[in-house]
Amino acid sequence: MFKKNVLFLSLCMITVIILFGCQDKAADEEMPAIIDVQVKLSPEAAIVNENVLFEVTVTQGNDKVTDAESVEFEFGKKDGSDKEKIAVKHKKDGIYSLEKSFSQEGDYYMIPHVTARGMHAMPKKEFTVVN
């Protein structure tokens, strides 16, 4: 009886040690920071048939993302019409940019679809084009 209790307690202690050992290993692994996508328009007030510079800065923590798998800028009117997607390449220092003009005044949106380092982000920026 005594031997069975000692054996049972020994197995329990070994199991607890193994479980806590595995738990510490998982706690040491850090989750990667999410990608951050900042959108900037220049000029902020868009005018019909004049170029607007759309810049997207992509970072992950303090790291500038220069190796995004895919960056596409989606444009459209707020009412859902005139949709188009344009593939964009990296320019420098984590910045992806495109110049575009609009032939009609109205309320528009721009969504940068950014896929980088196993993550996807797509913030929405709304703007107005005036005559």
N, C-alpha and C. Protein backbone atom coordinates (compact mmCIF):
# COMPACT_ATOMS: atom_id res chain seq x y z
N MET A 1 0.83 -1.19 0.00
CA MET A 1 0.00 0.00 0.00
C MET A 1 0.88 1.26 0.00
N PHE A 2 1.90 1.25 0.86
CA PHE A 2 2.81 2.39 0.96
C PHE A 2 3.54 2.61 -0.37
N LYS A 3 3.96 1.52 -1.02
CA LYS A 3 4.65 1.63 -2.31
C LYS A 3 3.74 2.23 -3.38
N LYS A 4 2.45 1.86 -3.36
CA LYS A 4 1.50 2.40 -4.33
C LYS A 4 1.33 3.90 -4.13
N ASN A 5 1.25 4.35 -2.89
CA ASN A 5 1.09 5.78 -2.60
C ASN A 5 2.33 6.56 -3.04
N VAL A 6 3.50 6.02 -2.76
CA VAL A 6 4.74 6.68 -3.15
C VAL A 6 4.82 6.76 -4.68
N LEU A 7 4.48 5.68 -5.35
CA LEU A 7 4.51 5.65 -6.81
C LEU A 7 3.51 6.66 -7.38
N PHE A 8 2.30 6.69 -6.82
CA PHE A 8 1.27 7.62 -7.28
C PHE A 8 1.71 9.07 -7.07
N LEU A 9 2.24 9.39 -5.90
CA LEU A 9 2.71 10.75 -5.62
C LEU A 9 3.87 11.13 -6.53
N SER A 10 4.75 10.20 -6.79
CA SER A 10 5.88 10.47 -7.69
C SER A 10 5.40 10.79 -9.10
N LEU A 11 4.45 10.01 -9.60
CA LEU A 11 3.89 10.26 -10.92
C LEU A 11 3.19 11.62 -10.98
N CYS A 12 2.46 11.95 -9.92
CA CYS A 12 1.79 13.25 -9.87
C CYS A 12 2.80 14.39 -9.89
N MET A 13 3.87 14.26 -9.13
CA MET A 13 4.88 15.32 -9.08
C MET A 13 5.58 15.47 -10.44
N ILE A 14 5.88 14.36 -11.08
CA ILE A 14 6.53 14.41 -12.39
C ILE A 14 5.60 15.08 -13.41
N THR A 15 4.32 14.73 -13.36
CA THR A 15 3.34 15.34 -14.27
C THR A 15 3.26 16.84 -14.06
N VAL A 16 3.21 17.28 -12.81
CA VAL A 16 3.14 18.71 -12.49
C VAL A 16 4.39 19.43 -12.98
N ILE A 17 5.55 18.84 -12.78
CA ILE A 17 6.80 19.45 -13.22
C ILE A 17 6.82 19.59 -14.74
N ILE A 18 6.39 18.56 -15.44
CA ILE A 18 6.37 18.62 -16.90
C ILE A 18 5.40 19.69 -17.39
N LEU A 19 4.21 19.75 -16.78
CA LEU A 19 3.22 20.75 -17.19
C LEU A 19 3.73 22.17 -16.95
N PHE A 20 4.31 22.42 -15.80
CA PHE A 20 4.83 23.76 -15.52
C PHE A 20 6.03 24.08 -16.41
N GLY A 21 6.83 23.10 -16.74
CA GLY A 21 7.96 23.32 -17.63
C GLY A 21 7.50 23.72 -19.02
N CYS A 22 6.47 23.08 -19.52
CA CYS A 22 5.93 23.44 -20.84
C CYS A 22 5.29 24.82 -20.80
N GLN A 23 4.64 25.14 -19.70
CA GLN A 23 3.98 26.43 -19.58
C GLN A 23 4.99 27.57 -19.60
N ASP A 24 6.11 27.43 -18.94
CA ASP A 24 7.14 28.47 -18.94
C ASP A 24 7.69 28.69 -20.34
N LYS A 25 7.88 27.63 -21.09
CA LYS A 25 8.41 27.75 -22.44
C LYS A 25 7.46 28.55 -23.32
N ALA A 26 6.16 28.31 -23.22
CA ALA A 26 5.18 29.04 -24.02
C ALA A 26 5.12 30.50 -23.61
N ALA A 27 5.33 30.80 -22.34
CA ALA A 27 5.27 32.18 -21.86
C ALA A 27 6.45 33.00 -22.39
N ASP A 28 7.58 32.34 -22.68
CA ASP A 28 8.76 33.05 -23.18
C ASP A 28 8.59 33.50 -24.63
N GLU A 29 7.72 32.82 -25.38
CA GLU A 29 7.52 33.17 -26.78
C GLU A 29 6.65 34.42 -26.87
N GLU A 30 7.15 35.44 -27.57
CA GLU A 30 6.41 36.69 -27.70
C GLU A 30 5.59 36.68 -28.98
N MET A 31 4.41 37.26 -28.90
CA MET A 31 3.58 37.44 -30.09
C MET A 31 4.17 38.60 -30.89
N PRO A 32 4.20 38.47 -32.22
CA PRO A 32 4.72 39.59 -33.02
C PRO A 32 3.76 40.78 -32.94
N ALA A 33 4.30 41.98 -33.05
CA ALA A 33 3.47 43.18 -33.05
C ALA A 33 2.63 43.20 -34.32
N ILE A 34 1.43 43.78 -34.23
CA ILE A 34 0.58 43.87 -35.41
C ILE A 34 1.12 44.95 -36.34
N ILE A 35 0.77 44.85 -37.61
CA ILE A 35 1.20 45.88 -38.55
C ILE A 35 0.30 47.10 -38.37
N ASP A 36 0.91 48.27 -38.47
CA ASP A 36 0.19 49.54 -38.35
C ASP A 36 0.24 50.23 -39.70
N VAL A 37 -0.92 50.69 -40.17
CA VAL A 37 -1.02 51.33 -41.49
C VAL A 37 -1.58 52.73 -41.30
N GLN A 38 -0.77 53.74 -41.64
CA GLN A 38 -1.18 55.15 -41.53
C GLN A 38 -1.36 55.71 -42.94
N VAL A 39 -2.50 56.39 -43.17
CA VAL A 39 -2.83 56.95 -44.48
C VAL A 39 -2.71 58.46 -44.45
N LYS A 40 -2.09 59.02 -45.51
CA LYS A 40 -1.94 60.47 -45.63
C LYS A 40 -2.27 60.89 -47.06
N LEU A 41 -3.03 61.99 -47.20
CA LEU A 41 -3.34 62.57 -48.50
C LEU A 41 -2.65 63.92 -48.60
N SER A 42 -2.16 64.23 -49.81
CA SER A 42 -1.53 65.53 -50.00
C SER A 42 -1.87 66.03 -51.41
N PRO A 43 -2.60 67.11 -51.58
CA PRO A 43 -3.15 67.94 -50.50
C PRO A 43 -4.37 67.27 -49.87
N GLU A 44 -4.70 67.71 -48.67
CA GLU A 44 -5.82 67.14 -47.92
C GLU A 44 -7.15 67.46 -48.62
N ALA A 45 -7.24 68.63 -49.27
CA ALA A 45 -8.44 69.03 -50.02
C ALA A 45 -8.22 68.71 -51.50
N ALA A 46 -8.87 67.66 -52.00
CA ALA A 46 -8.69 67.24 -53.39
C ALA A 46 -9.53 68.10 -54.33
N ILE A 47 -8.97 68.42 -55.49
CA ILE A 47 -9.64 69.24 -56.49
C ILE A 47 -9.78 68.42 -57.78
N VAL A 48 -10.92 68.57 -58.45
CA VAL A 48 -11.22 67.83 -59.68
C VAL A 48 -10.06 67.99 -60.67
N ASN A 49 -9.64 66.85 -61.25
CA ASN A 49 -8.59 66.76 -62.28
C ASN A 49 -7.20 67.19 -61.82
N GLU A 50 -6.98 67.33 -60.53
CA GLU A 50 -5.64 67.61 -60.01
C GLU A 50 -5.15 66.40 -59.22
N ASN A 51 -3.85 66.11 -59.37
CA ASN A 51 -3.29 64.94 -58.69
C ASN A 51 -3.32 65.07 -57.18
N VAL A 52 -3.62 63.94 -56.55
CA VAL A 52 -3.55 63.81 -55.10
C VAL A 52 -2.53 62.72 -54.81
N LEU A 53 -1.62 62.97 -53.88
CA LEU A 53 -0.64 61.97 -53.49
C LEU A 53 -1.19 61.19 -52.30
N PHE A 54 -1.36 59.89 -52.48
CA PHE A 54 -1.81 59.00 -51.41
C PHE A 54 -0.58 58.26 -50.90
N GLU A 55 -0.27 58.43 -49.62
CA GLU A 55 0.87 57.75 -49.00
C GLU A 55 0.39 56.90 -47.84
N VAL A 56 0.90 55.67 -47.82
CA VAL A 56 0.60 54.75 -46.73
C VAL A 56 1.93 54.36 -46.10
N THR A 57 2.04 54.57 -44.80
CA THR A 57 3.24 54.17 -44.06
C THR A 57 2.91 52.91 -43.28
N VAL A 58 3.70 51.85 -43.50
CA VAL A 58 3.45 50.56 -42.86
C VAL A 58 4.58 50.27 -41.88
N THR A 59 4.22 50.03 -40.62
CA THR A 59 5.21 49.69 -39.59
C THR A 59 4.73 48.47 -38.80
N GLN A 60 5.69 47.84 -38.15
CA GLN A 60 5.41 46.75 -37.21
C GLN A 60 6.28 47.01 -36.00
N GLY A 61 5.67 47.50 -34.92
CA GLY A 61 6.46 47.97 -33.78
C GLY A 61 7.28 49.16 -34.23
N ASN A 62 8.59 49.13 -34.01
CA ASN A 62 9.48 50.21 -34.46
C ASN A 62 10.07 49.94 -35.85
N ASP A 63 9.69 48.83 -36.46
CA ASP A 63 10.26 48.39 -37.74
C ASP A 63 9.44 48.91 -38.91
N LYS A 64 10.10 49.55 -39.89
CA LYS A 64 9.42 49.98 -41.12
C LYS A 64 9.29 48.78 -42.04
N VAL A 65 8.08 48.51 -42.49
CA VAL A 65 7.82 47.34 -43.33
C VAL A 65 8.11 47.68 -44.79
N THR A 66 9.21 47.13 -45.30
CA THR A 66 9.61 47.36 -46.69
C THR A 66 9.35 46.14 -47.56
N ASP A 67 8.85 45.07 -46.94
CA ASP A 67 8.71 43.79 -47.64
C ASP A 67 7.28 43.26 -47.63
N ALA A 68 6.30 44.15 -47.75
CA ALA A 68 4.90 43.71 -47.77
C ALA A 68 4.66 42.77 -48.95
N GLU A 69 3.89 41.71 -48.71
CA GLU A 69 3.58 40.78 -49.80
C GLU A 69 2.68 41.43 -50.85
N SER A 70 1.76 42.28 -50.39
CA SER A 70 0.80 42.89 -51.30
C SER A 70 0.28 44.20 -50.73
N VAL A 71 0.24 45.23 -51.57
CA VAL A 71 -0.37 46.51 -51.20
C VAL A 71 -1.21 46.97 -52.39
N GLU A 72 -2.50 47.13 -52.15
CA GLU A 72 -3.43 47.62 -53.17
C GLU A 72 -4.23 48.77 -52.58
N PHE A 73 -4.41 49.82 -53.36
CA PHE A 73 -5.25 50.94 -52.94
C PHE A 73 -6.60 50.79 -53.63
N GLU A 74 -7.64 50.73 -52.84
CA GLU A 74 -9.01 50.66 -53.37
C GLU A 74 -9.63 52.04 -53.28
N PHE A 75 -10.18 52.51 -54.39
CA PHE A 75 -10.85 53.81 -54.45
C PHE A 75 -12.29 53.61 -54.86
N GLY A 76 -13.15 54.49 -54.39
CA GLY A 76 -14.55 54.45 -54.80
C GLY A 76 -15.29 55.63 -54.22
N LYS A 77 -16.48 55.86 -54.77
CA LYS A 77 -17.34 56.89 -54.21
C LYS A 77 -18.03 56.32 -52.98
N LYS A 78 -18.40 57.20 -52.06
CA LYS A 78 -19.05 56.75 -50.83
C LYS A 78 -20.35 56.00 -51.10
N ASP A 79 -21.00 56.31 -52.23
CA ASP A 79 -22.26 55.62 -52.56
C ASP A 79 -22.01 54.21 -53.12
N GLY A 80 -20.75 53.80 -53.24
CA GLY A 80 -20.42 52.46 -53.70
C GLY A 80 -20.10 52.35 -55.18
N SER A 81 -20.18 53.44 -55.91
CA SER A 81 -19.90 53.40 -57.35
C SER A 81 -18.44 53.73 -57.63
N ASP A 82 -18.05 53.55 -58.88
CA ASP A 82 -16.70 53.89 -59.36
C ASP A 82 -15.59 53.21 -58.56
N LYS A 83 -15.74 51.92 -58.27
CA LYS A 83 -14.71 51.20 -57.51
C LYS A 83 -13.56 50.79 -58.42
N GLU A 84 -12.35 50.89 -57.89
CA GLU A 84 -11.17 50.36 -58.59
C GLU A 84 -10.08 50.06 -57.57
N LYS A 85 -9.26 49.04 -57.90
CA LYS A 85 -8.11 48.68 -57.07
C LYS A 85 -6.85 48.83 -57.90
N ILE A 86 -5.83 49.41 -57.28
CA ILE A 86 -4.56 49.63 -57.97
C ILE A 86 -3.43 49.06 -57.11
N ALA A 87 -2.62 48.17 -57.71
CA ALA A 87 -1.46 47.61 -57.00
C ALA A 87 -0.40 48.69 -56.85
N VAL A 88 0.23 48.73 -55.67
CA VAL A 88 1.21 49.77 -55.36
C VAL A 88 2.50 49.11 -54.89
N LYS A 89 3.62 49.68 -55.28
CA LYS A 89 4.94 49.16 -54.88
C LYS A 89 5.54 50.02 -53.78
N HIS A 90 6.51 49.44 -53.08
CA HIS A 90 7.22 50.14 -52.01
C HIS A 90 8.09 51.25 -52.60
N LYS A 91 8.05 52.44 -52.00
CA LYS A 91 8.89 53.55 -52.46
C LYS A 91 10.17 53.63 -51.61
N LYS A 92 10.00 53.87 -50.28
CA LYS A 92 11.15 53.94 -49.38
C LYS A 92 10.65 53.99 -47.94
N ASP A 93 11.46 53.52 -47.02
CA ASP A 93 11.22 53.63 -45.58
C ASP A 93 9.82 53.21 -45.15
N GLY A 94 9.29 52.13 -45.72
CA GLY A 94 7.97 51.65 -45.33
C GLY A 94 6.82 52.43 -45.93
N ILE A 95 7.12 53.29 -46.91
CA ILE A 95 6.08 54.13 -47.54
C ILE A 95 5.71 53.55 -48.90
N TYR A 96 4.42 53.40 -49.11
CA TYR A 96 3.85 52.96 -50.38
C TYR A 96 2.97 54.11 -50.86
N SER A 97 3.17 54.56 -52.11
CA SER A 97 2.45 55.77 -52.54
C SER A 97 1.96 55.67 -53.98
N LEU A 98 1.00 56.55 -54.28
CA LEU A 98 0.39 56.61 -55.60
C LEU A 98 -0.19 58.00 -55.81
N GLU A 99 0.00 58.55 -57.02
CA GLU A 99 -0.66 59.80 -57.38
C GLU A 99 -1.86 59.47 -58.25
N LYS A 100 -2.98 60.14 -57.96
CA LYS A 100 -4.22 59.87 -58.70
C LYS A 100 -5.05 61.14 -58.74
N SER A 101 -5.79 61.31 -59.85
CA SER A 101 -6.72 62.44 -59.96
C SER A 101 -8.14 61.89 -60.12
N PHE A 102 -9.11 62.75 -59.88
CA PHE A 102 -10.52 62.38 -59.94
C PHE A 102 -11.24 63.35 -60.88
N SER A 103 -12.05 62.82 -61.79
CA SER A 103 -12.70 63.65 -62.80
C SER A 103 -14.04 64.21 -62.35
N GLN A 104 -14.56 63.74 -61.23
CA GLN A 104 -15.85 64.22 -60.74
C GLN A 104 -15.73 64.62 -59.28
N GLU A 105 -16.48 65.66 -58.92
CA GLU A 105 -16.50 66.02 -57.50
C GLU A 105 -17.40 65.04 -56.76
N GLY A 106 -17.21 64.97 -55.45
CA GLY A 106 -18.03 64.08 -54.64
C GLY A 106 -17.27 63.56 -53.44
N ASP A 107 -17.95 62.72 -52.68
CA ASP A 107 -17.36 62.09 -51.50
C ASP A 107 -16.80 60.73 -51.88
N TYR A 108 -15.53 60.52 -51.59
CA TYR A 108 -14.82 59.31 -51.96
C TYR A 108 -14.23 58.64 -50.71
N TYR A 109 -13.75 57.41 -50.93
CA TYR A 109 -12.99 56.71 -49.89
C TYR A 109 -11.78 56.05 -50.54
N MET A 110 -10.80 55.77 -49.70
CA MET A 110 -9.61 55.03 -50.12
C MET A 110 -9.32 54.00 -49.03
N ILE A 111 -9.18 52.75 -49.43
CA ILE A 111 -8.84 51.68 -48.50
C ILE A 111 -7.53 51.04 -48.97
N PRO A 112 -6.46 51.19 -48.20
CA PRO A 112 -5.24 50.46 -48.56
C PRO A 112 -5.33 49.03 -48.02
N HIS A 113 -5.27 48.06 -48.91
CA HIS A 113 -5.27 46.65 -48.51
C HIS A 113 -3.81 46.24 -48.40
N VAL A 114 -3.33 46.05 -47.17
CA VAL A 114 -1.91 45.74 -46.93
C VAL A 114 -1.80 44.35 -46.33
N THR A 115 -1.06 43.47 -47.02
CA THR A 115 -0.75 42.15 -46.49
C THR A 115 0.76 42.10 -46.28
N ALA A 116 1.15 41.92 -45.01
CA ALA A 116 2.58 41.92 -44.68
C ALA A 116 2.82 41.05 -43.45
N ARG A 117 3.84 40.22 -43.54
CA ARG A 117 4.30 39.41 -42.41
C ARG A 117 3.18 38.59 -41.78
N GLY A 118 2.37 38.00 -42.65
CA GLY A 118 1.30 37.12 -42.20
C GLY A 118 0.08 37.84 -41.64
N MET A 119 -0.01 39.14 -41.84
CA MET A 119 -1.14 39.92 -41.33
C MET A 119 -1.76 40.74 -42.46
N HIS A 120 -3.01 41.17 -42.24
CA HIS A 120 -3.70 42.00 -43.23
C HIS A 120 -4.35 43.18 -42.51
N ALA A 121 -4.19 44.36 -43.07
CA ALA A 121 -4.82 45.57 -42.51
C ALA A 121 -5.46 46.34 -43.65
N MET A 122 -6.58 47.00 -43.35
CA MET A 122 -7.26 47.77 -44.38
C MET A 122 -8.05 48.92 -43.76
N PRO A 123 -7.35 49.95 -43.28
CA PRO A 123 -8.05 51.12 -42.73
C PRO A 123 -8.71 51.91 -43.85
N LYS A 124 -9.74 52.66 -43.50
CA LYS A 124 -10.49 53.42 -44.51
C LYS A 124 -10.27 54.91 -44.29
N LYS A 125 -9.99 55.62 -45.38
CA LYS A 125 -9.81 57.08 -45.34
C LYS A 125 -10.84 57.69 -46.27
N GLU A 126 -11.66 58.60 -45.75
CA GLU A 126 -12.66 59.28 -46.57
C GLU A 126 -12.17 60.69 -46.89
N PHE A 127 -12.54 61.16 -48.08
CA PHE A 127 -12.14 62.50 -48.50
C PHE A 127 -13.15 63.02 -49.51
N THR A 128 -13.10 64.32 -49.74
CA THR A 128 -14.02 64.98 -50.67
C THR A 128 -13.24 65.62 -51.80
N VAL A 129 -13.74 65.46 -53.01
CA VAL A 129 -13.16 66.10 -54.19
C VAL A 129 -14.09 67.26 -54.56
N VAL A 130 -13.51 68.47 -54.66
CA VAL A 130 -14.31 69.66 -54.97
C VAL A 130 -13.88 70.24 -56.31
N ASN A 131 -14.74 71.08 -56.86
CA ASN A 131 -14.48 71.70 -58.15
C ASN A 131 -13.69 72.98 -57.99
